Every structure is written in structure tokens, then in C-alpha cells.
């Protein structure tokens, strides 16, 4: 299988593929508010682009993007280590999600292939 890493100028859409979660904007923002306020929900307005940037910047494994009313948080399959099973890779993803205040389990990590 080949992976094209260059920018394609005539493409009008973007595909996101990898192992991860799709989470609604409301659910993610509520989880992040609880994390930042010590489990107390607030009405603080969170910038969706800042949320995506922070998750991507705070993790060497995860990439986050917002589309419609949801966030796609994935780890690209090329990041699976040579001696790592899929379950071990999912556990690393879960750890990274939990470190970012987003609760997840290995069962919630799914293969994602979306076009935006």
C-alpha cells in the first residue's frame, strides 16, 4: 500500500484515516471543561480550533480535527510500532486521550475513514 504524503492541489476534500474516536463537539467540550475546572462544569466558551490544536500539539500520537459538529481524534496507522499489537496500539491511544482529559476505552477506539 502506498501513502501519498504530498499536498494534492486539485483535491477539494480531505480524508482522515486511522485508529481513534469521533466525539461530538458538545461532549468533548464538556469533558474538557470538567478537566480544567476540577469536575465542575462551567459555561466557558471553548474555541473549537484551539481545542484541535491543543490536542494535536500535546500528543506525539494523536491528531485532531473538527468537522460539522464533531471532532475526529486519530492516530495514524504508520505510528504502530514494529513489535506492537493492535491492542497495545489502542492502549497507547487510550492513554493519550486520557492524558488530554478525554475518557476512552480500548473498545471505543475504532478504525476511522472519513472524507471532509
N, C-alpha and C. Protein backbone atom coordinates (compact mmCIF):
# COMPACT_ATOMS: atom_id res chain seq x y z
N UNK A 1 0.84 -1.18 0.00
CA UNK A 1 0.00 0.00 0.00
C UNK A 1 0.88 1.23 0.00
N UNK A 2 0.51 2.22 -0.80
CA UNK A 2 1.26 3.47 -0.85
C UNK A 2 0.50 4.55 -0.10
N UNK A 3 1.25 5.42 0.55
CA UNK A 3 0.68 6.57 1.24
C UNK A 3 1.22 7.82 0.56
N UNK A 4 0.36 8.64 0.02
CA UNK A 4 0.81 9.89 -0.60
C UNK A 4 0.85 10.95 0.48
N UNK A 5 2.01 11.51 0.71
CA UNK A 5 2.18 12.49 1.77
C UNK A 5 2.23 13.92 1.25
N UNK A 6 2.31 14.09 -0.07
CA UNK A 6 2.38 15.42 -0.65
C UNK A 6 0.99 16.04 -0.73
N UNK A 7 0.96 17.34 -0.81
CA UNK A 7 -0.29 18.07 -0.97
C UNK A 7 -0.78 17.92 -2.41
N UNK A 8 -2.04 17.59 -2.58
CA UNK A 8 -2.62 17.45 -3.91
C UNK A 8 -3.44 18.69 -4.19
N UNK A 9 -3.02 19.47 -5.16
CA UNK A 9 -3.64 20.78 -5.40
C UNK A 9 -5.03 20.71 -6.00
N UNK A 10 -5.35 19.65 -6.72
CA UNK A 10 -6.67 19.61 -7.34
C UNK A 10 -7.71 18.88 -6.48
N UNK A 11 -7.39 18.59 -5.26
CA UNK A 11 -8.32 17.89 -4.38
C UNK A 11 -9.17 18.89 -3.61
N UNK A 12 -10.48 18.65 -3.60
CA UNK A 12 -11.37 19.55 -2.89
C UNK A 12 -11.83 18.97 -1.56
N UNK A 13 -11.35 17.79 -1.21
CA UNK A 13 -11.72 17.18 0.05
C UNK A 13 -10.49 16.60 0.73
N UNK A 14 -10.68 16.26 2.01
CA UNK A 14 -9.60 15.70 2.81
C UNK A 14 -10.11 14.42 3.45
N UNK A 15 -9.28 13.39 3.45
CA UNK A 15 -9.63 12.14 4.12
C UNK A 15 -8.82 12.02 5.40
N UNK A 16 -9.47 11.56 6.45
CA UNK A 16 -8.81 11.25 7.72
C UNK A 16 -8.97 9.77 7.95
N UNK A 17 -7.84 9.09 8.08
CA UNK A 17 -7.87 7.64 8.33
C UNK A 17 -6.96 7.32 9.51
N UNK A 18 -7.38 6.36 10.30
CA UNK A 18 -6.57 5.94 11.43
C UNK A 18 -7.43 5.31 12.50
N UNK A 19 -6.80 4.98 13.59
CA UNK A 19 -7.49 4.41 14.76
C UNK A 19 -7.78 5.54 15.73
N UNK A 20 -9.02 5.64 16.19
CA UNK A 20 -9.36 6.71 17.12
C UNK A 20 -10.85 6.78 17.42
N UNK A 21 -11.29 8.00 17.70
CA UNK A 21 -12.69 8.21 18.07
C UNK A 21 -13.26 9.40 17.31
N UNK A 22 -14.57 9.38 17.15
CA UNK A 22 -15.31 10.55 16.72
C UNK A 22 -16.19 10.91 17.90
N UNK A 23 -16.10 12.15 18.31
CA UNK A 23 -16.82 12.60 19.50
C UNK A 23 -17.53 13.90 19.18
N UNK A 24 -18.74 14.06 19.68
CA UNK A 24 -19.50 15.27 19.38
C UNK A 24 -18.81 16.48 20.02
N UNK A 25 -19.00 17.61 19.39
CA UNK A 25 -18.40 18.85 19.90
C UNK A 25 -18.84 19.12 21.34
N UNK A 26 -20.13 18.94 21.60
CA UNK A 26 -20.67 19.20 22.94
C UNK A 26 -20.05 18.27 23.98
N UNK A 27 -19.97 16.98 23.66
CA UNK A 27 -19.41 16.01 24.60
C UNK A 27 -17.95 16.30 24.90
N UNK A 28 -17.16 16.58 23.86
CA UNK A 28 -15.74 16.86 24.07
C UNK A 28 -15.55 18.13 24.88
N UNK A 29 -16.28 19.18 24.55
CA UNK A 29 -16.13 20.44 25.29
C UNK A 29 -16.54 20.27 26.75
N UNK A 30 -17.59 19.50 27.02
CA UNK A 30 -17.99 19.25 28.41
C UNK A 30 -16.91 18.49 29.17
N UNK A 31 -16.28 17.50 28.53
CA UNK A 31 -15.20 16.75 29.18
C UNK A 31 -14.01 17.66 29.47
N UNK A 32 -13.68 18.51 28.52
CA UNK A 32 -12.54 19.40 28.73
C UNK A 32 -12.83 20.45 29.80
N UNK A 33 -14.06 20.93 29.86
CA UNK A 33 -14.43 21.89 30.92
C UNK A 33 -14.30 21.23 32.30
N UNK A 34 -14.78 19.99 32.42
CA UNK A 34 -14.69 19.27 33.70
C UNK A 34 -13.24 19.09 34.10
N UNK A 35 -12.39 18.74 33.15
CA UNK A 35 -10.97 18.53 33.43
C UNK A 35 -10.31 19.82 33.90
N UNK A 36 -10.60 20.92 33.23
CA UNK A 36 -9.94 22.19 33.57
C UNK A 36 -10.52 22.84 34.82
N UNK A 37 -11.74 22.45 35.21
CA UNK A 37 -12.38 23.07 36.37
C UNK A 37 -12.55 22.11 37.54
N UNK A 38 -11.78 21.04 37.55
CA UNK A 38 -11.86 20.10 38.66
C UNK A 38 -13.21 19.44 38.79
N UNK A 39 -13.75 18.91 37.72
CA UNK A 39 -15.04 18.21 37.67
C UNK A 39 -16.24 19.12 37.86
N UNK A 40 -16.05 20.42 37.84
CA UNK A 40 -17.17 21.35 37.89
C UNK A 40 -17.42 21.89 36.50
N UNK A 41 -18.61 21.62 35.97
CA UNK A 41 -18.92 22.13 34.64
C UNK A 41 -19.08 23.64 34.70
N UNK A 42 -18.68 24.30 33.63
CA UNK A 42 -18.86 25.75 33.53
C UNK A 42 -19.42 26.05 32.16
N UNK A 43 -19.80 27.30 31.97
CA UNK A 43 -20.33 27.74 30.68
C UNK A 43 -19.26 28.41 29.85
N UNK A 44 -17.99 28.20 30.22
CA UNK A 44 -16.88 28.79 29.49
C UNK A 44 -16.96 28.40 28.02
N UNK A 45 -16.81 29.37 27.14
CA UNK A 45 -16.84 29.11 25.71
C UNK A 45 -15.45 28.67 25.28
N UNK A 46 -15.39 27.50 24.63
CA UNK A 46 -14.11 26.95 24.18
C UNK A 46 -14.01 27.12 22.67
N UNK A 47 -12.87 27.58 22.21
CA UNK A 47 -12.62 27.77 20.79
C UNK A 47 -12.34 26.40 20.15
N UNK A 48 -13.18 25.97 19.20
CA UNK A 48 -13.00 24.65 18.61
C UNK A 48 -11.66 24.46 17.92
N UNK A 49 -11.14 25.49 17.30
CA UNK A 49 -9.85 25.37 16.63
C UNK A 49 -8.71 25.26 17.64
N UNK A 50 -8.85 25.95 18.75
CA UNK A 50 -7.86 25.86 19.81
C UNK A 50 -7.86 24.46 20.44
N UNK A 51 -9.05 23.88 20.59
CA UNK A 51 -9.16 22.53 21.12
C UNK A 51 -8.41 21.55 20.21
N UNK A 52 -8.67 21.63 18.92
CA UNK A 52 -7.99 20.75 17.96
C UNK A 52 -6.49 20.92 18.02
N UNK A 53 -6.04 22.16 18.02
CA UNK A 53 -4.60 22.44 18.05
C UNK A 53 -3.97 21.92 19.34
N UNK A 54 -4.62 22.14 20.48
CA UNK A 54 -4.07 21.70 21.76
C UNK A 54 -3.93 20.19 21.83
N UNK A 55 -4.95 19.46 21.38
CA UNK A 55 -4.88 18.00 21.42
C UNK A 55 -3.76 17.51 20.52
N UNK A 56 -3.67 18.05 19.31
CA UNK A 56 -2.63 17.63 18.38
C UNK A 56 -1.24 18.01 18.89
N UNK A 57 -1.12 19.19 19.48
CA UNK A 57 0.18 19.68 19.97
C UNK A 57 0.63 18.93 21.22
N UNK A 58 -0.30 18.53 22.08
CA UNK A 58 0.04 17.88 23.35
C UNK A 58 0.34 16.40 23.22
N UNK A 59 0.25 15.87 22.02
CA UNK A 59 0.44 14.44 21.83
C UNK A 59 1.29 14.17 20.59
N UNK A 60 2.24 13.26 20.73
CA UNK A 60 3.03 12.84 19.58
C UNK A 60 2.26 11.81 18.77
N UNK A 61 1.18 11.30 19.31
CA UNK A 61 0.43 10.21 18.69
C UNK A 61 -0.86 10.69 18.03
N UNK A 62 -1.55 11.63 18.65
CA UNK A 62 -2.90 11.99 18.21
C UNK A 62 -2.93 13.19 17.28
N UNK A 63 -3.89 13.15 16.38
CA UNK A 63 -4.20 14.26 15.50
C UNK A 63 -5.68 14.54 15.65
N UNK A 64 -6.06 15.79 15.75
CA UNK A 64 -7.45 16.15 15.98
C UNK A 64 -7.91 17.16 14.95
N UNK A 65 -9.10 16.94 14.43
CA UNK A 65 -9.70 17.92 13.53
C UNK A 65 -11.20 17.98 13.80
N UNK A 66 -11.78 19.14 13.55
CA UNK A 66 -13.20 19.32 13.74
C UNK A 66 -13.89 19.30 12.38
N UNK A 67 -15.01 18.62 12.31
CA UNK A 67 -15.84 18.66 11.10
C UNK A 67 -17.30 18.65 11.53
N UNK A 68 -18.10 19.40 10.83
CA UNK A 68 -19.52 19.55 11.17
C UNK A 68 -19.66 19.87 12.66
N UNK A 69 -20.28 18.95 13.41
CA UNK A 69 -20.48 19.19 14.84
C UNK A 69 -19.73 18.16 15.69
N UNK A 70 -18.69 17.57 15.10
CA UNK A 70 -17.93 16.55 15.80
C UNK A 70 -16.43 16.78 15.63
N UNK A 71 -15.68 16.08 16.47
CA UNK A 71 -14.23 16.05 16.38
C UNK A 71 -13.81 14.64 16.00
N UNK A 72 -12.80 14.54 15.16
CA UNK A 72 -12.18 13.28 14.81
C UNK A 72 -10.79 13.30 15.44
N UNK A 73 -10.54 12.37 16.35
CA UNK A 73 -9.24 12.29 17.02
C UNK A 73 -8.65 10.93 16.68
N UNK A 74 -7.55 10.94 15.92
CA UNK A 74 -6.99 9.69 15.42
C UNK A 74 -5.49 9.59 15.65
N UNK A 75 -5.03 8.36 15.56
CA UNK A 75 -3.60 8.05 15.49
C UNK A 75 -3.39 7.34 14.16
N UNK A 76 -2.49 7.84 13.37
CA UNK A 76 -2.25 7.28 12.05
C UNK A 76 -1.66 5.88 12.17
N UNK A 77 -2.08 4.95 11.32
CA UNK A 77 -1.61 3.56 11.43
C UNK A 77 -0.10 3.39 11.24
N UNK A 78 0.56 4.35 10.62
CA UNK A 78 2.01 4.24 10.46
C UNK A 78 2.73 4.41 11.79
N UNK A 79 2.00 4.84 12.84
CA UNK A 79 2.61 5.02 14.16
C UNK A 79 2.61 3.75 15.00
N UNK A 80 2.04 2.67 14.47
CA UNK A 80 2.11 1.38 15.16
C UNK A 80 3.56 0.91 15.11
N UNK A 81 4.10 0.56 16.27
CA UNK A 81 5.48 0.08 16.35
C UNK A 81 5.60 -1.31 15.73
N UNK A 82 6.79 -1.64 15.26
CA UNK A 82 7.01 -2.93 14.60
C UNK A 82 6.67 -4.11 15.50
N UNK A 83 6.93 -4.00 16.79
CA UNK A 83 6.70 -5.11 17.70
C UNK A 83 5.42 -4.93 18.54
N UNK A 84 4.50 -4.09 18.06
CA UNK A 84 3.30 -3.74 18.82
C UNK A 84 2.07 -4.39 18.19
N UNK A 85 1.21 -4.95 19.05
CA UNK A 85 -0.06 -5.49 18.57
C UNK A 85 -1.07 -4.35 18.44
N UNK A 86 -2.17 -4.62 17.77
CA UNK A 86 -3.21 -3.60 17.63
C UNK A 86 -3.78 -3.22 19.00
N UNK A 87 -3.95 -4.20 19.87
CA UNK A 87 -4.46 -3.91 21.21
C UNK A 87 -3.50 -2.99 21.97
N UNK A 88 -2.21 -3.24 21.87
CA UNK A 88 -1.23 -2.38 22.53
C UNK A 88 -1.27 -0.96 21.95
N UNK A 89 -1.43 -0.85 20.63
CA UNK A 89 -1.55 0.45 19.99
C UNK A 89 -2.79 1.19 20.47
N UNK A 90 -3.91 0.47 20.57
CA UNK A 90 -5.15 1.08 21.08
C UNK A 90 -4.96 1.55 22.52
N UNK A 91 -4.22 0.78 23.32
CA UNK A 91 -3.97 1.18 24.71
C UNK A 91 -3.16 2.48 24.77
N UNK A 92 -2.19 2.62 23.85
CA UNK A 92 -1.44 3.89 23.78
C UNK A 92 -2.35 5.05 23.41
N UNK A 93 -3.27 4.81 22.50
CA UNK A 93 -4.23 5.86 22.11
C UNK A 93 -5.09 6.24 23.30
N UNK A 94 -5.61 5.23 24.01
CA UNK A 94 -6.44 5.49 25.20
C UNK A 94 -5.67 6.31 26.23
N UNK A 95 -4.42 5.96 26.47
CA UNK A 95 -3.59 6.70 27.42
C UNK A 95 -3.46 8.16 27.00
N UNK A 96 -3.19 8.39 25.72
CA UNK A 96 -3.07 9.76 25.22
C UNK A 96 -4.39 10.53 25.35
N UNK A 97 -5.50 9.87 25.03
CA UNK A 97 -6.81 10.52 25.18
C UNK A 97 -7.06 10.87 26.63
N UNK A 98 -6.78 9.93 27.54
CA UNK A 98 -6.99 10.19 28.96
C UNK A 98 -6.07 11.30 29.47
N UNK A 99 -4.84 11.35 28.96
CA UNK A 99 -3.91 12.43 29.34
C UNK A 99 -4.41 13.80 28.88
N UNK A 100 -5.25 13.81 27.87
CA UNK A 100 -5.82 15.06 27.35
C UNK A 100 -7.20 15.34 27.94
N UNK A 101 -7.62 14.55 28.93
CA UNK A 101 -8.91 14.78 29.58
C UNK A 101 -10.10 14.19 28.85
N UNK A 102 -9.83 13.29 27.92
CA UNK A 102 -10.89 12.67 27.14
C UNK A 102 -10.94 11.20 27.50
N UNK A 103 -11.92 10.82 28.27
CA UNK A 103 -12.03 9.42 28.69
C UNK A 103 -12.31 8.51 27.51
N UNK A 104 -11.63 7.38 27.47
CA UNK A 104 -11.85 6.41 26.40
C UNK A 104 -11.44 5.03 26.90
N UNK A 105 -11.91 4.01 26.21
CA UNK A 105 -11.51 2.63 26.49
C UNK A 105 -11.02 2.02 25.17
N UNK A 106 -10.35 0.89 25.25
CA UNK A 106 -9.88 0.25 24.02
C UNK A 106 -11.06 -0.14 23.12
N UNK A 107 -12.21 -0.44 23.71
CA UNK A 107 -13.39 -0.79 22.91
C UNK A 107 -13.96 0.41 22.15
N UNK A 108 -13.67 1.61 22.62
CA UNK A 108 -14.19 2.80 21.94
C UNK A 108 -13.29 3.24 20.78
N UNK A 109 -12.10 2.66 20.67
CA UNK A 109 -11.18 3.01 19.58
C UNK A 109 -11.57 2.20 18.34
N UNK A 110 -11.92 2.90 17.28
CA UNK A 110 -12.38 2.26 16.04
C UNK A 110 -11.56 2.74 14.86
N UNK A 111 -11.61 1.98 13.76
CA UNK A 111 -11.00 2.39 12.51
C UNK A 111 -11.87 3.50 11.92
N UNK A 112 -11.25 4.61 11.60
CA UNK A 112 -11.98 5.77 11.07
C UNK A 112 -11.45 6.08 9.68
N UNK A 113 -12.36 6.26 8.76
CA UNK A 113 -12.04 6.63 7.39
C UNK A 113 -13.14 7.59 6.93
N UNK A 114 -12.90 8.87 7.08
CA UNK A 114 -13.91 9.86 6.71
C UNK A 114 -13.36 10.83 5.70
N UNK A 115 -14.25 11.36 4.89
CA UNK A 115 -13.89 12.39 3.92
C UNK A 115 -14.59 13.66 4.33
N UNK A 116 -13.81 14.72 4.43
CA UNK A 116 -14.36 16.02 4.83
C UNK A 116 -14.28 16.96 3.66
